[in-house]
Amino acid sequence: MRNLHGNTHGLKPNQLRRLEKLYQRRIPPRQILTPEFARQLSELSHETNRQIGALIDRKGYVEYVIVGDARRIELPDFKRVRVAGDRFRGLRCVHTHLRGEDLTRDDLTDLALLRLDLMAAIDVDEGTGLPGVVRAAHLLPSTAEHLDSNGTARSFGFLDAHVASQLDVDFLALMEALESEMARNRRAWRRSAKGDRAILVNVSMGQIADAEDSMAELRELAQSAGVVVLDEIIQRRAQIDARTVLGKGKLDELLIRAMQLGVDIIIFDRELQAAQVRSISDATDLKVIDRSQLILDIFAQRAQSHEGKIQVELAQLKYILPRLVLGQNSAFSRLAGGIGGRGPGETKLETDRRRVRDRIHRLEKELSSQAKRREQRRKERLRHQVPTISIVGYTNAGKSTLLNALTASEVLAESRMFATLDPTTRRLRLPREREVIINDTVGFIRDLPPDLLEAFRSTLEEISGSRLLIHVVDAANPRWQQQIGSVDRILTQLQFDQIPRLLVLNKSDLVDRATLDSMVRYVSLESGTEPLAISANDRRSLSPLLQRIDELLAQDAGRSDHVYAVQPRSPLAPPPYK
């Protein structure tokens, strides 16, 4: 039998013939279904005690007949047949319900994931087997007109329940109106959005407040990468799903929302395993990336110097290498054959891995030679006994703006994450006529990908010869305490934690006086050293900073630059923040 889907085991020959006759029925295009067709489905369903359904095209012809069990039907898998974001599939599903229930979650999920025109369920009378009311639903475009009382976009529109003879909806007119509205929305998004459209996803086993803070940072990262964030989903779970991260219900919700909004990419606020990426991609047909990939992409966009580009490529290759696996359409037995490649040869996957390893080796050698040249320049500065100061801190804390204000430079300074990747060195004259070298460094971030930190280690070694670190903190950021802790952990990881530090609360002009005083007291109690409150945009607030730098360097004048790597912590250095 053509296009018969489901389990027909146990059906009698006459029942199979009646299923075959369903293909001979034609529904008038503007009707959802006819009373005769509803009766034919209902009687078959009652007689077999199974749900029976049909997929009908817009011309009214039956394309598929589906046989389920007493509780549900299982539709054919059309997920690999792509449908434009402003159109439906051109098929409506009409099936029976044996227990008088409303449209189920499975019904609505199938409606959304398969982008069906309509999902309709016919009630079957338990005693007579005659058709009862028909309940139907369709997808809704994401517009202000389709918001619920809480301001949340509704995914589905429901038709009034009627018996088949009283369904007076013009089906074709309804579809044309919905698709026109979706097309208008998509055109508007394309005009307003200059980048990929994304949904952000956070799955956490911790406190919801921590998840919200992490999601806020992921949103900033996405916006810095030029991604247009259309929605955010947070789920708190007792245990992360090993296959799809999210639970099944939440994954279905994510897929429905992604299709409704027409997103291009899903970004997870955690590092994903290769198998998890494949599982979610297979389910959504969308690009799926994790937090580490997003940060790597930002670095790739920002890198300007030759060395910076090498470092980013190296980090990307190290991230990709363990995730190189066979794609769904790859053949593991495909060999790199031809002249010189006879015999067992290598699989395509092994060849790719070998090429990546070779490229990593070449990039590491090139970075090593760059590091030697930088070390030579550091020794030259030491020979002239010019002290070095490095500005460190969380990304977007205002480090480059501070460097520009102190040295009258014009280093790129933007209010976005990782605006600075390539280290910048300038000369600065202090109040006591002491001349110093001041470095602007790449910003740090929570859970910085290890491969990225390793790739930028040679650049960050500029910090190692510093006599003083100026730790710049964004005082206006509500997560400033966590950011201090993240920077401290990275400095410890890089073994720079024994270099004296001066903590500076930047953007103090954006914080009220009482809050700023509270922050100063907190840092003083935690570190034993009072921080300075400044605004890098206000040169008048920088005089105390220059004075403090001068004093600290004068107190520490007897120490050599390399001491901090091997000696106990300097009395100038605060202990790590809690």
Protein backbone atom coordinates (compact mmCIF):
# COMPACT_ATOMS: atom_id res chain seq x y z
CA MET A 1 0.00 0.00 0.00
CA ARG A 2 1.43 3.39 -0.94
CA ASN A 3 2.49 5.85 1.77
CA LEU A 4 1.00 3.84 4.63
CA HIS A 5 2.84 4.74 7.81
CA GLY A 6 2.62 2.96 11.15
CA ASN A 7 2.02 -0.56 12.44
CA THR A 8 -0.71 -2.40 10.53
CA HIS A 9 -0.07 -5.75 12.23
CA GLY A 10 -3.36 -7.36 13.31
CA LEU A 11 -5.55 -5.41 10.89
CA LYS A 12 -8.05 -7.46 8.86
CA PRO A 13 -7.93 -7.48 5.03
CA ASN A 14 -11.18 -5.50 4.76
CA GLN A 15 -9.78 -2.86 7.14
CA LEU A 16 -6.64 -2.57 5.00
CA ARG A 17 -8.83 -2.13 1.92
CA ARG A 18 -10.77 0.64 3.67
CA LEU A 19 -7.48 2.35 4.54
CA GLU A 20 -6.54 2.13 0.86
CA LYS A 21 -9.84 3.78 -0.09
CA LEU A 22 -8.87 6.85 1.97
CA TYR A 23 -6.47 7.79 -0.83
CA GLN A 24 -9.45 8.02 -3.20
CA ARG A 25 -11.10 10.69 -1.07
CA ARG A 26 -10.52 14.33 -2.00
CA ILE A 27 -11.24 17.19 0.40
CA PRO A 28 -12.36 20.49 -1.18
CA PRO A 29 -9.23 22.73 -0.90
CA ARG A 30 -10.90 25.41 1.21
CA GLN A 31 -12.29 22.94 3.75
CA ILE A 32 -10.30 21.41 6.61
CA LEU A 33 -12.19 18.11 6.17
CA THR A 34 -15.63 16.85 5.13
CA PRO A 35 -18.20 15.07 7.34
CA GLU A 36 -17.85 11.96 5.15
CA PHE A 37 -14.09 11.82 5.59
CA ALA A 38 -14.42 12.40 9.36
CA ARG A 39 -16.92 9.54 9.58
CA GLN A 40 -14.72 7.18 7.58
CA LEU A 41 -11.72 7.86 9.88
CA SER A 42 -13.84 7.58 13.04
CA GLU A 43 -15.46 4.27 12.15
CA LEU A 44 -12.09 2.70 11.25
CA SER A 45 -10.56 4.04 14.44
CA HIS A 46 -13.41 2.74 16.61
CA GLU A 47 -13.34 -0.66 14.94
CA THR A 48 -9.55 -1.15 15.33
CA ASN A 49 -9.24 0.71 18.67
CA ARG A 50 -6.37 2.66 17.13
CA GLN A 51 -5.83 6.26 16.21
CA ILE A 52 -6.03 6.69 12.43
CA GLY A 53 -4.75 9.77 10.64
CA ALA A 54 -4.17 11.27 7.20
CA LEU A 55 -1.82 13.91 5.82
CA ILE A 56 -3.68 15.99 3.23
CA ASP A 57 -2.10 18.48 0.81
CA ARG A 58 -3.56 21.88 -0.09
CA LYS A 59 -5.29 20.50 -3.17
CA GLY A 60 -7.21 18.15 -0.89
CA TYR A 61 -5.47 14.90 -1.85
CA VAL A 62 -4.43 12.36 0.80
CA GLU A 63 -0.64 11.94 0.71
CA TYR A 64 -0.14 9.65 3.73
CA VAL A 65 -2.33 7.40 5.87
CA ILE A 66 -1.03 6.77 9.42
CA VAL A 67 -2.01 3.96 11.79
CA GLY A 68 -1.14 4.44 15.45
CA ASP A 69 -2.12 2.84 18.74
CA ALA A 70 -4.88 3.79 21.16
CA ARG A 71 -2.94 6.79 22.52
CA ARG A 72 -1.07 8.39 19.64
CA ILE A 73 0.04 8.28 16.02
CA GLU A 74 3.62 8.67 14.84
CA LEU A 75 4.06 10.91 11.81
CA PRO A 76 6.66 10.35 9.07
CA ASP A 77 9.97 12.14 9.64
CA PHE A 78 10.12 15.14 7.29
CA LYS A 79 12.82 16.98 9.27
CA ARG A 80 15.46 16.54 6.57
CA VAL A 81 13.21 18.14 3.97
CA ARG A 82 13.84 21.84 4.61
CA VAL A 83 10.95 24.29 4.60
CA ALA A 84 11.39 28.03 4.17
CA GLY A 85 11.00 29.98 7.41
CA ASP A 86 8.06 31.99 6.07
CA ARG A 87 6.11 28.98 4.78
CA PHE A 88 4.42 25.83 6.06
CA ARG A 89 4.91 22.32 4.71
CA GLY A 90 1.71 22.30 2.67
CA LEU A 91 0.30 19.30 4.56
CA ARG A 92 -2.35 19.19 7.28
CA CYS A 93 -2.75 16.29 9.67
CA VAL A 94 -6.24 15.03 10.49
CA HIS A 95 -6.43 12.16 12.97
CA THR A 96 -8.71 10.61 15.58
CA HIS A 97 -8.75 10.73 19.39
CA LEU A 98 -10.41 7.82 21.17
CA ARG A 99 -10.69 9.33 24.65
CA GLY A 100 -12.13 12.80 24.02
CA GLU A 101 -8.87 14.54 24.95
CA ASP A 102 -7.68 17.94 23.70
CA LEU A 103 -4.78 18.25 21.29
CA THR A 104 -1.86 16.65 23.13
CA ARG A 105 1.67 17.96 23.64
CA ASP A 106 2.84 15.41 21.05
CA ASP A 107 0.28 16.77 18.57
CA LEU A 108 1.50 20.34 19.05
CA THR A 109 5.17 19.33 18.95
CA ASP A 110 4.64 17.51 15.65
CA LEU A 111 2.75 20.53 14.32
CA ALA A 112 5.70 22.80 15.11
CA LEU A 113 8.65 20.57 14.29
CA LEU A 114 7.23 19.39 10.95
CA ARG A 115 5.83 22.87 10.16
CA LEU A 116 2.44 21.38 9.28
CA ASP A 117 -0.34 23.64 8.01
CA LEU A 118 -2.76 22.42 10.67
CA MET A 119 -3.17 19.71 13.30
CA ALA A 120 -6.76 18.49 13.71
CA ALA A 121 -8.13 15.79 16.06
CA ILE A 122 -11.58 14.21 15.66
CA ASP A 123 -13.30 12.91 18.80
CA VAL A 124 -14.61 9.35 18.31
CA ASP A 125 -17.79 8.47 20.22
CA GLU A 126 -16.97 5.54 22.47
CA GLY A 127 -20.34 3.85 21.98
CA THR A 128 -21.26 4.46 18.34
CA GLY A 129 -17.91 5.20 16.71
CA LEU A 130 -19.37 8.34 15.10
CA PRO A 131 -17.26 11.50 14.79
CA GLY A 132 -17.68 14.20 17.43
CA VAL A 133 -16.15 17.66 17.63
CA VAL A 134 -12.96 18.54 15.75
CA ARG A 135 -10.22 20.38 17.63
CA ALA A 136 -7.59 22.12 15.48
CA ALA A 137 -4.51 24.29 15.94
CA HIS A 138 -1.96 26.07 13.74
CA LEU A 139 1.35 27.86 14.29
CA LEU A 140 1.36 31.61 14.95
CA PRO A 141 3.88 34.16 13.66
CA SER A 142 5.86 35.87 16.41
CA THR A 143 4.23 39.32 16.56
CA ALA A 144 2.89 41.72 19.17
CA GLU A 145 -0.64 40.63 18.25
CA HIS A 146 0.08 37.12 19.52
CA LEU A 147 1.16 37.78 23.10
CA ASP A 148 -0.47 36.24 26.15
CA SER A 149 -1.39 38.13 29.33
CA ASN A 150 2.21 37.84 30.60
CA GLY A 151 3.63 39.37 27.44
CA THR A 152 5.00 36.02 26.24
CA ALA A 153 4.65 35.14 22.58
CA ARG A 154 2.07 32.41 21.93
CA SER A 155 3.21 29.61 19.62
CA PHE A 156 -0.18 28.22 18.61
CA GLY A 157 -3.57 29.47 17.49
CA PHE A 158 -6.58 27.26 18.30
CA LEU A 159 -9.79 27.07 16.26
CA ASP A 160 -13.17 26.77 17.97
CA ALA A 161 -14.19 23.13 18.40
CA HIS A 162 -17.09 22.13 16.13
CA VAL A 163 -18.38 19.01 14.43
CA ALA A 164 -17.02 18.59 10.91
CA SER A 165 -20.18 19.89 9.20
CA GLN A 166 -19.96 23.21 11.10
CA LEU A 167 -16.29 23.98 10.45
CA ASP A 168 -16.69 27.14 8.39
CA VAL A 169 -13.00 28.19 8.30
CA ASP A 170 -11.63 29.07 4.84
CA PHE A 171 -8.54 26.89 5.13
CA LEU A 172 -6.60 28.31 2.14
CA ALA A 173 -7.33 31.92 3.18
CA LEU A 174 -6.07 31.14 6.71
CA MET A 175 -2.81 29.66 5.37
CA GLU A 176 -2.25 32.57 2.97
CA ALA A 177 -2.77 35.11 5.78
CA LEU A 178 -0.39 33.33 8.16
CA GLU A 179 2.34 32.88 5.54
CA SER A 180 2.05 36.52 4.43
CA GLU A 181 2.48 37.66 8.03
CA MET A 182 5.51 35.36 8.47
CA ALA A 183 7.06 36.69 5.25
CA ARG A 184 6.60 40.30 6.43
CA ASN A 185 8.22 39.46 9.78
CA ARG A 186 11.17 37.77 8.08
CA ARG A 187 11.74 40.74 5.76
CA ALA A 188 11.61 43.10 8.75
CA TRP A 189 14.12 40.95 10.67
CA ARG A 190 16.47 40.86 7.68
CA ARG A 191 16.35 44.65 7.37
CA SER A 192 16.97 45.24 11.09
CA ALA A 193 19.34 42.34 11.83
CA LYS A 194 22.90 42.56 10.51
CA GLY A 195 24.05 39.25 11.95
CA ASP A 196 22.91 35.75 12.73
CA ARG A 197 19.70 35.41 14.74
CA ALA A 198 20.10 33.29 17.87
CA ILE A 199 18.44 31.81 20.92
CA LEU A 200 20.63 31.60 24.03
CA VAL A 201 20.30 28.54 26.28
CA ASN A 202 21.52 28.06 29.84
CA VAL A 203 21.16 24.69 31.59
CA SER A 204 22.31 24.80 35.19
CA MET A 205 22.35 22.65 38.29
CA GLY A 206 23.06 25.65 40.54
CA GLN A 207 21.14 28.68 41.75
CA ILE A 208 18.85 30.40 39.26
CA ALA A 209 20.41 33.79 40.13
CA ASP A 210 23.83 32.50 39.06
CA ALA A 211 22.32 31.19 35.83
CA GLU A 212 20.76 34.59 35.14
CA ASP A 213 24.11 36.35 35.72
CA SER A 214 25.83 33.90 33.39
CA MET A 215 23.12 34.38 30.78
CA ALA A 216 23.54 38.17 30.97
CA GLU A 217 27.24 37.74 30.20
CA LEU A 218 26.49 35.33 27.34
CA ARG A 219 24.13 37.96 25.92
CA GLU A 220 26.94 40.53 26.00
CA LEU A 221 29.27 38.06 24.28
CA ALA A 222 26.71 37.33 21.58
CA GLN A 223 26.12 41.01 20.93
CA SER A 224 29.88 41.61 20.77
CA ALA A 225 30.06 38.87 18.12
CA GLY A 226 27.40 40.65 16.06
CA VAL A 227 24.68 38.11 16.88
CA VAL A 228 21.07 39.27 17.19
CA VAL A 229 19.58 37.64 20.31
CA LEU A 230 15.89 36.88 19.78
CA ASP A 231 15.17 34.83 22.91
CA GLU A 232 16.73 33.24 25.99
CA ILE A 233 15.90 29.95 27.72
CA ILE A 234 17.07 28.97 31.21
CA GLN A 235 16.47 25.51 32.64
CA ARG A 236 17.51 24.32 36.08
CA ARG A 237 17.99 20.55 36.28
CA ALA A 238 19.09 18.09 38.92
CA GLN A 239 21.33 16.48 36.30
CA ILE A 240 22.48 17.51 32.83
CA ASP A 241 21.16 15.27 30.07
CA ALA A 242 24.19 13.46 28.65
CA ARG A 243 22.78 13.44 25.12
CA THR A 244 20.93 16.70 24.59
CA VAL A 245 21.83 18.77 27.73
CA LEU A 246 18.21 19.97 27.97
CA GLY A 247 15.33 17.79 29.05
CA LYS A 248 13.01 16.47 26.31
CA GLY A 249 10.16 18.85 27.10
CA LYS A 250 12.45 21.89 27.16
CA LEU A 251 14.17 20.75 23.96
CA ASP A 252 10.78 20.57 22.23
CA GLU A 253 10.01 24.06 23.54
CA LEU A 254 13.35 25.29 22.21
CA LEU A 255 12.73 23.79 18.76
CA ILE A 256 9.24 25.27 18.54
CA ARG A 257 10.53 28.70 19.59
CA ALA A 258 13.44 28.50 17.14
CA MET A 259 11.11 27.74 14.26
CA GLN A 260 8.61 30.40 15.28
CA LEU A 261 11.30 33.10 15.42
CA GLY A 262 13.23 31.89 12.38
CA VAL A 263 16.59 31.71 14.17
CA ASP A 264 19.84 30.62 12.51
CA ILE A 265 21.85 29.49 15.51
CA ILE A 266 21.47 28.15 19.07
CA ILE A 267 24.15 29.18 21.57
CA PHE A 268 24.63 27.18 24.79
CA ASP A 269 26.14 28.78 27.89
CA ARG A 270 28.42 25.83 28.58
CA GLU A 271 30.98 23.71 26.75
CA LEU A 272 29.30 21.01 24.69
CA GLN A 273 30.64 17.60 23.77
CA ALA A 274 30.77 16.65 20.08
CA ALA A 275 28.01 14.06 20.55
CA GLN A 276 25.76 16.65 22.22
CA VAL A 277 26.27 19.11 19.35
CA ARG A 278 25.36 16.39 16.84
CA SER A 279 22.24 15.31 18.76
CA ILE A 280 20.89 18.85 19.11
CA SER A 281 21.79 19.74 15.50
CA ASP A 282 20.05 16.63 14.22
CA ALA A 283 16.92 17.54 16.17
CA THR A 284 16.85 21.20 15.12
CA ASP A 285 18.53 21.35 11.70
CA LEU A 286 20.20 24.49 13.08
CA LYS A 287 23.79 25.44 13.81
CA VAL A 288 24.65 24.76 17.47
CA ILE A 289 27.66 26.30 19.21
CA ASP A 290 28.82 26.62 22.80
CA ARG A 291 30.27 29.44 24.87
CA SER A 292 33.87 28.59 24.00
CA GLN A 293 33.16 28.69 20.26
CA LEU A 294 31.45 32.06 20.67
CA ILE A 295 34.50 33.52 22.45
CA LEU A 296 36.82 32.06 19.80
CA ASP A 297 34.69 33.66 17.10
CA ILE A 298 34.93 37.06 18.81
CA PHE A 299 38.70 36.70 19.02
CA ALA A 300 38.82 35.76 15.33
CA GLN A 301 36.87 38.93 14.46
CA ARG A 302 39.07 41.19 16.62
CA ALA A 303 42.57 39.86 15.85
CA GLN A 304 44.48 42.46 13.80
CA SER A 305 48.18 41.65 14.13
CA HIS A 306 49.84 38.66 12.49
CA GLU A 307 50.62 37.18 15.89
CA GLY A 308 47.07 37.69 17.13
CA LYS A 309 45.68 35.84 14.12
CA ILE A 310 48.11 32.97 14.69
CA GLN A 311 47.05 32.72 18.34
CA VAL A 312 43.35 32.64 17.46
CA GLU A 313 43.83 30.03 14.73
CA LEU A 314 45.88 27.89 17.10
CA ALA A 315 43.16 28.05 19.76
CA GLN A 316 40.47 27.19 17.20
CA LEU A 317 42.40 24.19 15.89
CA LYS A 318 43.04 22.86 19.40
CA TYR A 319 39.33 23.21 20.13
CA ILE A 320 38.32 21.48 16.89
CA LEU A 321 40.81 18.58 17.01
CA PRO A 322 39.12 16.42 19.69
CA ARG A 323 35.74 17.19 18.08
CA LEU A 324 36.70 15.97 14.61
CA VAL A 325 34.26 13.13 14.08
CA LEU A 326 32.46 11.61 11.15
CA GLY A 327 29.54 13.62 9.89
CA GLN A 328 26.18 12.01 9.29
CA ASN A 329 26.85 11.65 5.56
CA SER A 330 30.53 10.70 5.79
CA ALA A 331 31.75 7.22 4.96
CA PHE A 332 34.27 5.91 7.47
CA SER A 333 35.65 3.47 4.86
CA ARG A 334 36.45 6.23 2.34
CA LEU A 335 40.21 6.15 1.78
CA ALA A 336 42.68 8.73 0.51
CA GLY A 337 43.58 6.67 -2.58
CA GLY A 338 45.23 7.37 -5.90
CA ILE A 339 48.87 7.12 -6.99
CA GLY A 340 51.03 6.99 -3.91
CA GLY A 341 48.00 6.25 -1.76
CA ARG A 342 47.40 2.59 -2.48
CA GLY A 343 47.07 -0.02 0.21
CA PRO A 344 45.25 0.44 3.48
CA GLY A 345 45.86 4.20 3.41
CA GLU A 346 44.15 6.52 5.88
CA THR A 347 40.52 7.22 6.51
CA LYS A 348 39.34 10.71 5.63
CA LEU A 349 38.89 11.41 9.33
CA GLU A 350 42.47 10.38 10.16
CA THR A 351 43.79 12.52 7.30
CA ASP A 352 41.91 15.56 8.63
CA ARG A 353 43.23 14.99 12.14
CA ARG A 354 46.81 14.64 10.88
CA ARG A 355 46.54 17.86 8.90
CA VAL A 356 45.19 19.71 11.94
CA ARG A 357 48.03 18.37 14.13
CA ASP A 358 50.62 19.42 11.52
CA ARG A 359 49.11 22.91 11.34
CA ILE A 360 49.10 23.18 15.15
CA HIS A 361 52.79 22.20 15.24
CA ARG A 362 53.71 24.87 12.65
CA LEU A 363 51.74 27.58 14.45
CA GLU A 364 53.31 26.69 17.81
CA LYS A 365 56.78 26.97 16.28
CA GLU A 366 55.95 30.38 14.83
CA LEU A 367 54.57 31.60 18.16
CA SER A 368 57.71 30.34 19.89
CA SER A 369 59.90 32.43 17.62
CA GLN A 370 57.64 35.45 18.22
CA ALA A 371 57.97 34.90 21.98
CA LYS A 372 61.79 34.90 21.69
CA ARG A 373 61.73 38.24 19.89
CA ARG A 374 59.42 39.67 22.53
CA GLU A 375 61.72 38.39 25.29
CA GLN A 376 64.60 40.16 23.57
CA ARG A 377 62.69 43.43 23.65
CA ARG A 378 61.90 42.94 27.34
CA LYS A 379 65.59 42.41 28.11
CA GLU A 380 66.37 45.61 26.22
CA ARG A 381 63.94 47.54 28.41
CA LEU A 382 65.42 45.97 31.53
CA ARG A 383 68.89 46.95 30.40
CA HIS A 384 67.74 50.56 30.31
CA GLN A 385 66.06 50.03 33.72
CA VAL A 386 62.64 51.29 32.64
CA PRO A 387 59.95 49.83 34.96
CA THR A 388 56.98 48.12 33.30
CA ILE A 389 53.36 48.40 34.45
CA SER A 390 50.58 46.23 33.02
CA ILE A 391 46.88 47.02 32.98
CA VAL A 392 44.85 43.86 33.58
CA GLY A 393 41.19 43.18 34.23
CA TYR A 394 37.94 41.70 33.04
CA THR A 395 36.96 42.30 29.44
CA ASN A 396 35.18 45.62 28.82
CA ALA A 397 36.32 47.04 32.17
CA GLY A 398 37.84 50.13 30.48
CA LYS A 399 41.52 49.16 30.26
CA SER A 400 42.16 50.67 26.81
CA THR A 401 40.27 53.84 27.75
CA LEU A 402 42.49 54.17 30.82
CA LEU A 403 45.64 53.68 28.73
CA ASN A 404 44.49 56.40 26.32
CA ALA A 405 43.73 58.78 29.20
CA LEU A 406 47.09 58.20 30.91
CA THR A 407 49.28 58.41 27.80
CA ALA A 408 47.24 60.65 25.44
CA SER A 409 47.09 57.73 23.01
CA GLU A 410 44.41 56.71 20.54
CA VAL A 411 44.26 52.96 21.08
CA LEU A 412 40.96 51.43 19.95
CA ALA A 413 38.58 51.56 22.92
CA GLU A 414 35.02 50.34 22.47
CA SER A 415 32.23 49.41 24.86
CA ARG A 416 32.18 45.75 23.86
CA MET A 417 33.89 42.58 24.96
CA PHE A 418 37.41 41.83 23.73
CA ALA A 419 37.82 45.07 21.77
CA THR A 420 41.56 44.71 22.51
CA LEU A 421 43.40 41.52 21.59
CA ASP A 422 46.83 42.69 20.57
CA PRO A 423 48.92 44.07 23.47
CA THR A 424 49.75 47.76 23.27
CA THR A 425 52.80 49.35 24.91
CA ARG A 426 53.16 53.09 25.63
CA ARG A 427 55.51 55.30 27.67
CA LEU A 428 54.19 57.20 30.68
CA ARG A 429 55.85 59.93 32.76
CA LEU A 430 54.90 59.92 36.45
CA PRO A 431 54.69 62.98 38.74
CA ARG A 432 58.25 62.46 40.08
CA GLU A 433 59.61 62.50 36.53
CA ARG A 434 59.95 58.74 36.56
CA GLU A 435 59.37 57.19 33.13
CA VAL A 436 57.64 53.82 32.87
CA ILE A 437 56.39 51.44 30.19
CA ILE A 438 52.66 50.69 30.46
CA ASN A 439 51.04 47.67 28.77
CA ASP A 440 47.40 47.23 27.79
CA THR A 441 46.55 43.51 27.79
CA VAL A 442 43.77 41.28 26.50
CA GLY A 443 40.75 41.18 28.80
CA PHE A 444 39.98 38.17 30.95
CA ILE A 445 36.64 36.43 31.30
CA ARG A 446 35.03 33.75 33.46
CA ASP A 447 35.80 30.23 32.26
CA LEU A 448 38.16 31.44 29.54
CA PRO A 449 38.64 28.46 27.17
CA PRO A 450 41.90 26.68 28.19
CA ASP A 451 43.05 26.41 24.56
CA LEU A 452 42.62 30.16 24.14
CA LEU A 453 44.50 30.92 27.34
CA GLU A 454 47.30 28.61 26.26
CA ALA A 455 47.49 30.19 22.79
CA PHE A 456 47.70 33.70 24.27
CA ARG A 457 50.21 32.70 26.94
CA SER A 458 53.12 34.14 24.92
CA THR A 459 51.31 37.49 24.64
CA LEU A 460 50.36 37.46 28.31
CA GLU A 461 54.01 36.88 29.20
CA GLU A 462 54.38 40.62 28.68
CA ILE A 463 52.87 40.81 32.17
CA SER A 464 55.64 38.68 33.70
CA GLY A 465 58.22 41.46 33.71
CA SER A 466 55.90 44.00 35.30
CA ARG A 467 56.75 45.77 38.52
CA LEU A 468 53.08 46.55 39.14
CA LEU A 469 49.69 45.38 37.87
CA ILE A 470 46.81 47.85 37.65
CA HIS A 471 43.71 45.69 38.08
CA VAL A 472 40.86 47.65 36.47
CA VAL A 473 37.34 46.75 37.66
CA ASP A 474 34.08 47.92 36.10
CA ALA A 475 32.39 49.38 39.18
CA ALA A 476 29.12 49.83 37.26
CA ASN A 477 28.83 46.14 36.47
CA PRO A 478 26.54 44.28 38.91
CA ARG A 479 28.84 41.22 38.66
CA TRP A 480 31.98 43.12 39.69
CA GLN A 481 32.77 40.80 42.62
CA GLN A 482 32.67 37.69 40.44
CA GLN A 483 34.79 39.47 37.84
CA ILE A 484 37.48 40.28 40.41
CA GLY A 485 37.54 36.61 41.41
CA SER A 486 37.82 35.49 37.78
CA VAL A 487 40.78 37.78 37.10
CA ASP A 488 42.52 36.62 40.30
CA ARG A 489 42.10 32.98 39.31
CA ILE A 490 43.56 33.55 35.84
CA LEU A 491 46.52 35.54 37.21
CA THR A 492 47.19 32.69 39.65
CA GLN A 493 46.92 30.15 36.83
CA LEU A 494 49.47 32.15 34.84
CA GLN A 495 51.70 32.41 37.95
CA PHE A 496 51.48 36.21 38.00
CA ASP A 497 49.74 36.35 41.38
CA GLN A 498 52.90 37.48 43.24
CA ILE A 499 53.31 40.66 41.24
CA PRO A 500 52.07 43.66 43.30
CA ARG A 501 48.59 44.82 42.34
CA LEU A 502 46.73 48.09 42.60
CA LEU A 503 42.97 47.64 42.29
CA VAL A 504 41.14 50.47 40.51
CA LEU A 505 37.34 50.88 40.50
CA ASN A 506 36.70 52.37 37.06
CA LYS A 507 33.46 54.02 35.83
CA SER A 508 32.87 55.36 39.34
CA ASP A 509 30.92 58.25 37.81
CA LEU A 510 28.19 55.73 36.94
CA VAL A 511 27.78 54.57 40.57
CA ASP A 512 26.14 56.49 43.40
CA ARG A 513 28.33 57.57 46.31
CA ALA A 514 26.88 55.18 48.91
CA THR A 515 27.36 52.15 46.64
CA LEU A 516 30.90 53.23 45.78
CA ASP A 517 31.82 53.65 49.46
CA SER A 518 30.44 50.18 50.15
CA MET A 519 32.55 48.73 47.34
CA VAL A 520 35.70 50.42 48.63
CA ARG A 521 35.07 49.05 52.14
CA TYR A 522 34.48 45.53 50.78
CA VAL A 523 37.70 45.47 48.75
CA SER A 524 39.69 46.99 51.61
CA LEU A 525 38.48 44.30 54.02
CA GLU A 526 39.08 41.46 51.56
CA SER A 527 42.50 42.54 50.33
CA GLY A 528 43.90 44.71 53.11
CA THR A 529 44.59 47.45 50.53
CA GLU A 530 42.31 50.37 49.75
CA PRO A 531 41.31 50.59 46.06
CA LEU A 532 41.13 53.80 44.07
CA ALA A 533 37.89 55.01 42.52
CA ILE A 534 38.38 56.68 39.14
CA SER A 535 36.69 57.40 35.84
CA ALA A 536 38.93 56.88 32.83
CA ASN A 537 36.81 59.45 30.98
CA ASP A 538 37.58 62.11 33.62
CA ARG A 539 41.27 63.07 33.65
CA ARG A 540 40.84 64.92 36.96
CA SER A 541 40.20 61.60 38.73
CA LEU A 542 43.50 60.15 37.47
CA SER A 543 45.89 62.32 39.50
CA PRO A 544 45.54 60.16 42.67
CA LEU A 545 46.16 57.06 40.52
CA LEU A 546 49.41 58.46 39.09
CA GLN A 547 50.49 59.50 42.59
CA ARG A 548 49.78 56.01 44.01
CA ILE A 549 51.66 54.32 41.14
CA ASP A 550 54.65 56.58 41.77
CA GLU A 551 54.62 55.78 45.49
CA LEU A 552 54.36 52.03 44.99
CA LEU A 553 57.21 51.97 42.48
CA ALA A 554 59.38 54.08 44.79
CA GLN A 555 58.75 51.66 47.69
CA ASP A 556 59.60 48.72 45.47
CA ALA A 557 62.58 50.28 43.68
CA GLY A 558 65.10 47.84 45.19
CA ARG A 559 63.51 44.73 43.68
CA SER A 560 64.49 43.26 40.28
CA ASP A 561 61.79 42.36 37.74
CA HIS A 562 62.23 38.61 37.88
CA VAL A 563 61.91 38.36 41.66
CA TYR A 564 58.12 38.03 41.67
CA ALA A 565 58.15 34.67 39.96
CA VAL A 566 60.25 32.97 42.65
CA GLN A 567 60.00 34.95 45.89
CA PRO A 568 57.19 35.04 48.48
CA ARG A 569 54.35 37.44 47.87
CA SER A 570 55.30 41.11 48.03
CA PRO A 571 53.77 43.03 50.92
CA LEU A 572 52.24 45.33 48.28
CA ALA A 573 50.24 42.50 46.73
CA PRO A 574 46.77 41.86 48.11
CA PRO A 575 45.79 38.27 48.87
CA PRO A 576 43.37 36.62 46.42
CA TYR A 577 39.79 37.84 46.72
CA LYS A 578 37.18 35.45 47.99
